[in-house]
Protein backbone atom coordinates (compact mmCIF):
# COMPACT_ATOMS: atom_id res chain seq x y z
CA UNK A 1 0.00 0.00 0.00
CA UNK A 2 1.36 3.45 -0.79
CA UNK A 3 2.72 5.28 2.24
CA UNK A 4 1.65 8.65 0.89
CA UNK A 5 -0.35 10.93 3.10
CA UNK A 6 0.09 14.00 0.92
CA UNK A 7 -2.75 16.50 1.33
CA UNK A 8 -5.44 16.41 -1.29
CA UNK A 9 -6.11 19.45 -3.46
CA UNK A 10 -9.74 18.46 -3.96
CA UNK A 11 -12.71 18.59 -1.61
CA UNK A 12 -16.11 16.92 -1.98
CA UNK A 13 -19.55 17.80 -0.72
CA UNK A 14 -22.82 15.89 -0.75
CA UNK A 15 -26.19 17.61 -0.55
CA UNK A 16 -29.87 17.27 -1.28
CA UNK A 17 -30.78 16.79 -4.93
CA UNK A 18 -31.56 20.28 -6.20
CA UNK A 19 -29.31 22.11 -3.72
CA UNK A 20 -26.15 21.87 -5.84
CA UNK A 21 -26.34 25.47 -7.06
CA UNK A 22 -26.82 26.71 -3.50
CA UNK A 23 -23.67 24.84 -2.41
CA UNK A 24 -21.70 26.28 -5.33
CA UNK A 25 -22.82 29.80 -4.40
CA UNK A 26 -21.84 29.33 -0.76
CA UNK A 27 -18.43 27.95 -1.70
CA UNK A 28 -17.82 30.82 -4.13
CA UNK A 29 -18.49 33.32 -1.34
CA UNK A 30 -16.66 31.53 1.48
CA UNK A 31 -13.82 29.99 -0.58
CA UNK A 32 -13.38 32.21 -3.67
CA UNK A 33 -10.17 30.43 -4.69
CA UNK A 34 -11.87 27.04 -4.97
CA UNK A 35 -12.65 25.94 -8.52
CA UNK A 36 -15.67 23.79 -9.31
CA UNK A 37 -14.49 20.44 -10.70
CA UNK A 38 -17.23 17.80 -11.01
CA UNK A 39 -20.82 17.15 -10.08
CA UNK A 40 -23.67 14.70 -10.17
CA UNK A 41 -27.06 15.34 -8.56
CA UNK A 42 -26.32 15.49 -4.84
CA UNK A 43 -22.52 15.37 -5.21
CA UNK A 44 -19.86 18.00 -6.03
CA UNK A 45 -16.08 18.37 -5.97
CA UNK A 46 -13.90 21.48 -5.95
CA UNK A 47 -10.19 22.00 -6.61
CA UNK A 48 -8.04 24.00 -4.20
CA UNK A 49 -5.24 26.31 -5.35
CA UNK A 50 -1.93 24.44 -5.61
CA UNK A 51 -0.36 26.00 -2.51
CA UNK A 52 -3.48 26.18 -0.36
CA UNK A 53 -3.85 23.57 2.37
CA UNK A 54 -6.65 22.90 4.82
CA UNK A 55 -6.63 21.03 8.11
CA UNK A 56 -8.36 17.60 8.07
CA UNK A 57 -11.15 18.98 10.28
CA UNK A 58 -11.85 22.06 8.15
CA UNK A 59 -15.38 23.41 8.18
CA UNK A 60 -16.85 24.07 4.74
CA UNK A 61 -19.23 26.53 6.44
CA UNK A 62 -22.10 25.59 4.15
CA UNK A 63 -25.78 25.49 5.11
CA UNK A 64 -26.61 23.15 2.24
CA UNK A 65 -23.65 20.73 2.25
CA UNK A 66 -24.73 17.71 4.25
CA UNK A 67 -21.25 16.13 4.37
CA UNK A 68 -17.83 17.21 3.13
CA UNK A 69 -14.17 16.24 3.20
CA UNK A 70 -11.09 15.82 1.04
CA UNK A 71 -11.54 13.96 -2.24
CA UNK A 72 -8.96 11.38 -3.32
CA UNK A 73 -10.55 10.26 -6.58
CA UNK A 74 -12.93 7.71 -7.99
CA UNK A 75 -12.93 3.93 -8.12
CA UNK A 76 -14.47 1.83 -10.88
CA UNK A 77 -16.44 -1.03 -9.41
CA UNK A 78 -16.42 -4.18 -11.48
CA UNK A 79 -15.63 -6.38 -8.53
CA UNK A 80 -16.45 -5.15 -5.02
CA UNK A 81 -13.47 -6.83 -3.35
CA UNK A 82 -11.00 -5.35 -5.81
CA UNK A 83 -12.65 -1.95 -5.54
CA UNK A 84 -12.38 -2.10 -1.73
CA UNK A 85 -8.62 -2.68 -1.96
CA UNK A 86 -8.31 0.31 -4.28
CA UNK A 87 -10.07 2.43 -1.66
CA UNK A 88 -7.22 1.72 0.77
CA UNK A 89 -4.61 2.37 -1.93
CA UNK A 90 -6.04 5.86 -2.29
CA UNK A 91 -6.22 6.42 1.46
CA UNK A 92 -2.57 5.49 1.98
CA UNK A 93 -1.31 5.54 5.56
CA UNK A 94 -3.84 8.00 6.90
CA UNK A 95 -4.75 6.95 10.48
CA UNK A 96 -8.34 5.99 9.72
CA UNK A 97 -10.47 4.81 12.65
CA UNK A 98 -13.92 4.85 11.08
CA UNK A 99 -15.39 4.13 7.64
CA UNK A 100 -18.38 6.05 6.32
CA UNK A 101 -20.16 4.76 3.23
CA UNK A 102 -23.34 6.20 1.75
CA UNK A 103 -25.18 6.64 -1.52
CA UNK A 104 -25.80 10.07 -2.98
CA UNK A 105 -29.48 10.97 -2.88
CA UNK A 106 -31.58 9.69 -5.75
CA UNK A 107 -34.50 12.07 -5.14
CA UNK A 108 -35.67 14.88 -2.91
CA UNK A 109 -36.51 13.74 0.63
CA UNK A 110 -40.15 12.77 0.89
CA UNK A 111 -40.60 12.29 -2.86
CA UNK A 112 -42.39 8.98 -3.54
CA UNK A 113 -41.46 7.76 -0.08
CA UNK A 114 -37.71 8.41 -0.45
CA UNK A 115 -35.82 9.27 2.75
CA UNK A 116 -32.02 9.61 3.00
CA UNK A 117 -30.67 6.57 4.82
CA UNK A 118 -27.87 4.03 4.84
CA UNK A 119 -28.93 1.64 2.08
CA UNK A 120 -28.19 -2.09 1.66
CA UNK A 121 -25.77 -1.20 -1.16
CA UNK A 122 -23.87 1.10 1.21
CA UNK A 123 -23.75 -1.59 3.89
CA UNK A 124 -22.38 -4.16 1.41
CA UNK A 125 -19.69 -1.73 0.24
CA UNK A 126 -18.81 -0.90 3.84
CA UNK A 127 -18.36 -4.55 4.75
CA UNK A 128 -16.06 -5.10 1.75
CA UNK A 129 -13.98 -1.99 2.57
CA UNK A 130 -13.65 -2.94 6.21
CA UNK A 131 -12.64 -6.49 5.31
CA UNK A 132 -9.94 -5.15 2.96
CA UNK A 133 -8.41 -2.81 5.55
CA UNK A 134 -4.64 -3.51 5.76
CA UNK A 135 -4.50 -2.27 9.37
CA UNK A 136 -7.71 -3.51 11.01
CA UNK A 137 -6.23 -2.91 14.46
CA UNK A 138 -6.54 0.85 13.82
CA UNK A 139 -10.28 0.71 13.27
CA UNK A 140 -12.73 1.36 16.07
CA UNK A 141 -14.18 -1.80 17.56
CA UNK A 142 -17.29 -3.37 16.17
CA UNK A 143 -18.58 -3.70 12.64
CA UNK A 144 -21.23 -1.00 12.68
CA UNK A 145 -21.51 1.46 9.81
CA UNK A 146 -24.31 3.36 11.50
CA UNK A 147 -22.49 3.90 14.79
CA UNK A 148 -21.44 7.57 15.02
CA UNK A 149 -17.73 8.35 14.88
CA UNK A 150 -16.07 10.05 17.85
CA UNK A 151 -14.69 13.60 17.97
CA UNK A 152 -11.18 13.68 16.53
CA UNK A 153 -11.54 10.43 14.57
CA UNK A 154 -10.09 10.22 11.07
CA UNK A 155 -12.83 8.86 8.82
CA UNK A 156 -12.54 7.20 5.40
CA UNK A 157 -15.39 8.37 3.16
CA UNK A 158 -16.81 6.36 0.27
CA UNK A 159 -19.72 7.82 -1.70
CA UNK A 160 -21.62 5.52 -4.04
CA UNK A 161 -22.20 7.77 -7.04
CA UNK A 162 -23.34 4.99 -9.38
CA UNK A 163 -23.51 1.20 -8.94
CA UNK A 164 -20.18 0.97 -10.79
CA UNK A 165 -18.51 4.11 -9.45
CA UNK A 166 -17.36 5.10 -5.95
CA UNK A 167 -15.67 8.33 -4.89
CA UNK A 168 -13.19 8.12 -2.03
CA UNK A 169 -12.16 10.77 0.46
CA UNK A 170 -11.59 11.43 4.14
CA UNK A 171 -12.39 13.90 6.90
CA UNK A 172 -11.78 14.38 10.58
CA UNK A 173 -14.71 14.59 12.97
CA UNK A 174 -15.27 18.06 14.41
CA UNK A 175 -19.06 18.36 14.83
CA UNK A 176 -22.21 16.32 15.33
CA UNK A 177 -23.08 15.96 11.60
CA UNK A 178 -19.51 14.89 10.72
CA UNK A 179 -19.97 11.94 13.11
CA UNK A 180 -22.72 10.52 10.88
CA UNK A 181 -22.12 8.71 7.56
CA UNK A 182 -23.02 11.24 4.89
CA UNK A 183 -24.30 13.59 7.59
CA UNK A 184 -27.34 11.32 7.89
CA UNK A 185 -28.37 10.25 11.41
CA UNK A 186 -29.77 6.79 12.01
CA UNK A 187 -33.40 7.19 13.06
CA UNK A 188 -35.39 4.28 14.41
CA UNK A 189 -38.90 5.44 13.66
CA UNK A 190 -41.78 4.02 15.72
CA UNK A 191 -44.48 2.06 13.92
CA UNK A 192 -46.70 5.14 13.70
CA UNK A 193 -44.98 8.49 13.17
CA UNK A 194 -48.10 10.42 11.99
CA UNK A 195 -46.07 12.55 9.54
CA UNK A 196 -42.58 13.23 8.12
CA UNK A 197 -42.24 15.98 10.70
CA UNK A 198 -41.15 13.26 13.15
CA UNK A 199 -37.99 12.66 11.10
CA UNK A 200 -37.24 16.37 10.85
CA UNK A 201 -37.67 16.97 14.58
CA UNK A 202 -35.62 13.93 15.54
CA UNK A 203 -32.75 15.06 13.34
CA UNK A 204 -33.07 18.70 14.44
CA UNK A 205 -32.82 17.76 18.11
CA UNK A 206 -29.75 15.58 17.54
CA UNK A 207 -28.01 18.16 15.38
CA UNK A 208 -28.79 21.20 17.52
CA UNK A 209 -28.10 19.58 20.89
CA UNK A 210 -30.51 22.01 22.55
CA UNK A 211 -29.93 21.78 26.33
CA UNK A 212 -33.58 21.18 27.19
CA UNK A 213 -34.07 18.87 30.17
CA UNK A 214 -36.88 16.32 30.46
CA UNK A 215 -40.01 18.08 31.64
CA UNK A 216 -39.20 21.28 29.75
CA UNK A 217 -42.12 23.02 28.08
CA UNK A 218 -42.15 23.51 24.31
CA UNK A 219 -44.52 25.55 22.19
CA UNK A 220 -44.84 24.11 18.70
CA UNK A 221 -46.24 26.46 16.07
CA UNK A 222 -47.61 24.61 13.07
CA UNK A 223 -48.01 21.37 14.99
CA UNK A 224 -50.64 19.51 12.93
CA UNK A 225 -50.93 16.59 12.50
CA UNK A 226 -48.37 15.87 15.22
CA UNK A 227 -45.26 14.10 13.91
CA UNK A 228 -42.87 16.55 15.56
CA UNK A 229 -45.00 16.60 18.71
CA UNK A 230 -44.56 12.84 19.09
CA UNK A 231 -40.79 13.27 18.91
CA UNK A 232 -40.84 15.92 21.63
CA UNK A 233 -43.28 14.01 23.85
CA UNK A 234 -41.15 10.85 23.62
CA UNK A 235 -38.32 12.80 25.25
CA UNK A 236 -40.48 13.69 28.22
CA UNK A 237 -41.17 17.30 27.21
CA UNK A 238 -44.47 19.07 27.72
CA UNK A 239 -45.81 20.37 24.41
CA UNK A 240 -48.29 23.11 23.56
CA UNK A 241 -49.30 22.53 19.95
CA UNK A 242 -50.54 25.65 18.16
CA UNK A 243 -52.36 25.00 14.90
CA UNK A 244 -55.92 25.61 13.63
CA UNK A 245 -55.91 22.17 12.01
CA UNK A 246 -56.67 18.87 13.74
CA UNK A 247 -54.09 16.82 15.63
CA UNK A 248 -53.74 13.06 15.38
CA UNK A 249 -55.58 11.16 18.16
CA UNK A 250 -52.30 9.55 19.24
CA UNK A 251 -50.96 13.00 20.09
CA UNK A 252 -54.12 14.32 21.76
CA UNK A 253 -54.30 11.35 24.12
CA UNK A 254 -50.88 12.16 25.63
CA UNK A 255 -51.42 13.96 28.97
CA UNK A 256 -48.35 16.16 28.36
CA UNK A 257 -49.84 17.62 25.18
CA UNK A 258 -52.17 20.62 24.98
CA UNK A 259 -53.70 21.78 21.70
CA UNK A 260 -54.45 25.46 21.09
CA UNK A 261 -56.52 25.35 17.94
CA UNK A 262 -55.66 28.80 16.67
CA UNK A 263 -53.17 30.55 14.45
CA UNK A 264 -50.09 31.80 16.30
CA UNK A 265 -51.12 35.42 15.82
CA UNK A 266 -54.40 34.74 17.67
CA UNK A 267 -52.80 33.15 20.77
CA UNK A 268 -52.61 35.42 23.86
CA UNK A 269 -49.03 36.05 24.91
CA UNK A 270 -49.79 34.82 28.42
CA UNK A 271 -49.95 31.30 26.93
CA UNK A 272 -46.16 31.52 26.42
CA UNK A 273 -45.23 32.75 29.92
CA UNK A 274 -43.95 29.38 31.12
CA UNK A 275 -42.57 28.30 27.74
CA UNK A 276 -38.77 28.27 27.39
CA UNK A 277 -38.44 26.41 24.08
CA UNK A 278 -40.17 27.13 20.81
CA UNK A 279 -40.37 25.29 17.48
CA UNK A 280 -42.07 26.33 14.27
CA UNK A 281 -42.77 24.67 10.94
CA UNK A 282 -45.20 26.79 8.95
CA UNK A 283 -46.00 26.39 5.27
CA UNK A 284 -45.32 30.05 4.46
CA UNK A 285 -42.40 32.11 3.16
CA UNK A 286 -39.53 32.74 5.62
CA UNK A 287 -40.39 36.35 6.43
CA UNK A 288 -43.95 35.36 7.39
CA UNK A 289 -42.58 32.72 9.77
CA UNK A 290 -40.11 35.21 11.25
CA UNK A 291 -42.84 37.84 11.65
CA UNK A 292 -44.95 35.39 13.65
CA UNK A 293 -42.01 34.30 15.84
CA UNK A 294 -40.76 37.84 16.44
CA UNK A 295 -44.16 38.95 17.72
CA UNK A 296 -43.87 36.24 20.38
CA UNK A 297 -40.24 36.30 21.47
CA UNK A 298 -39.82 40.08 21.84
CA UNK A 299 -42.91 40.40 24.04
CA UNK A 300 -41.87 41.51 27.57
CA UNK A 301 -43.82 38.68 29.23
CA UNK A 302 -42.20 35.95 27.11
CA UNK A 303 -38.80 34.40 27.86
CA UNK A 304 -37.82 31.92 25.18
CA UNK A 305 -34.40 30.35 25.73
CA UNK A 306 -34.03 28.36 22.50
CA UNK A 307 -35.76 27.68 19.20
CA UNK A 308 -35.84 25.27 16.27
CA UNK A 309 -37.33 26.99 13.24
CA UNK A 310 -38.05 25.50 9.81
CA UNK A 311 -37.78 28.14 7.08
CA UNK A 312 -39.36 27.14 3.77
CA UNK A 313 -37.59 28.15 0.55
CA UNK A 314 -40.34 28.17 -2.09
CA UNK A 315 -37.72 29.51 -4.50
CA UNK A 316 -34.05 28.49 -4.39
CA UNK A 317 -33.09 32.14 -4.89
CA UNK A 318 -34.14 32.73 -1.26
CA UNK A 319 -30.99 30.87 -0.20
CA UNK A 320 -29.09 34.14 -0.71
CA UNK A 321 -31.25 35.75 2.00
CA UNK A 322 -30.31 33.24 4.71
CA UNK A 323 -27.63 35.51 6.29
CA UNK A 324 -30.27 38.24 6.65
CA UNK A 325 -32.73 35.79 8.23
CA UNK A 326 -30.11 34.70 10.77
CA UNK A 327 -29.14 38.30 11.52
CA UNK A 328 -32.79 39.08 12.23
CA UNK A 329 -33.00 36.20 14.71
CA UNK A 330 -29.83 37.37 16.45
CA UNK A 331 -31.38 40.81 16.83
CA UNK A 332 -33.97 39.25 19.15
CA UNK A 333 -31.24 38.37 21.66
CA UNK A 334 -30.27 34.89 20.43
CA UNK A 335 -26.47 34.95 20.26
CA UNK A 336 -25.94 31.37 19.07
CA UNK A 337 -27.73 30.92 15.72
CA UNK A 338 -26.96 28.15 13.23
CA UNK A 339 -28.62 26.93 10.05
CA UNK A 340 -28.48 23.60 8.22
CA UNK A 341 -30.45 21.85 5.54
CA UNK A 342 -31.15 18.64 7.40
CA UNK A 343 -31.10 15.30 5.62
CA UNK A 344 -34.88 15.08 6.12
CA UNK A 345 -35.65 18.67 5.15
CA UNK A 346 -37.14 19.28 1.76
CA UNK A 347 -36.68 22.68 0.08
CA UNK A 348 -36.22 24.29 3.47
CA UNK A 349 -33.66 24.75 6.22
CA UNK A 350 -33.59 24.30 9.99
CA UNK A 351 -32.40 27.14 12.23
CA UNK A 352 -31.29 26.48 15.81
CA UNK A 353 -31.16 29.54 18.06
CA UNK A 354 -30.08 29.77 21.68
CA UNK A 355 -29.68 32.50 24.26
CA UNK A 356 -26.41 31.94 26.11
CA UNK A 357 -26.40 32.90 28.92
CA UNK A 358 -30.15 32.96 29.35
CA UNK A 359 -31.42 36.07 31.13
CA UNK A 360 -34.99 36.66 32.16
CA UNK A 361 -36.50 39.86 30.82
CA UNK A 362 -37.57 42.40 33.42
CA UNK A 363 -41.26 42.54 34.12
CA UNK A 364 -43.18 45.18 32.23
């Protein structure tokens, strides 16, 4: 096996199908010296300037890139065992402890039942790559593709672009999403999830790491039919669901759930007095969502500590307005504000906002 660990001058990114242009725009603004090199739906590579080097744990700083790392090239797959050995030839002597394998998205999340996940093809490729590892003693224990990597781990990345083509790269874990293969968390959905909102809330909670303790009270704006509510209730939170539409019976029967069957604008602010956490997923343009949330959180009787907001992007051009949306949220007193297009988001993003330290507003 080659002993080379020379830095790569290419980086890769995977994203939702349709978000490629948004990733390119972000990279052009954040990394103007990068040059676009190659793409397929849901997958892109960029070339770095010859004398520019990045640390293995670099942050692409992209809202729309689900996973990223250094690209080492592609592998033709005629025989899986031979292809797996070529993966390690490309990786050289890099001190890999974990192996991440995933397929690029074939469709938009939610389209015809498609959800990003670790597929059987990815598992088969992973098993072949792990079996071909020339230094198995370096790998983390266990043979589990879906087990998250640990902070600081060097990770071998293999993206299944086509059945006969893999792209190989590597990254070093520095954040929650970089622990997951392809930036996709493993979600064990219950038998009845009511709606796709369950997947979005589960991923949002894991990504954001909001420090809400069991028993905390959430207000959920746009709660019908209750998929996200079920996720929150399963964690022991109390939930006030605000939506003029009906909730699923499974949600209504939970004693920790209360339904306010109104639009957010019609709810008296006193209903939020004991609420410290707020979520919103409204089928309106981003500024309408932000208008509704602002009217709540800036009220002197309301003390929201943290939020998870879904901002719809009915047009991809609205991606350029994301910095302005985040600045507006910061202006409300939330000093830790992050955005990410989750694996289970559609043409939308998730924003996590937190007041740190949290200070109660003075009484009016």
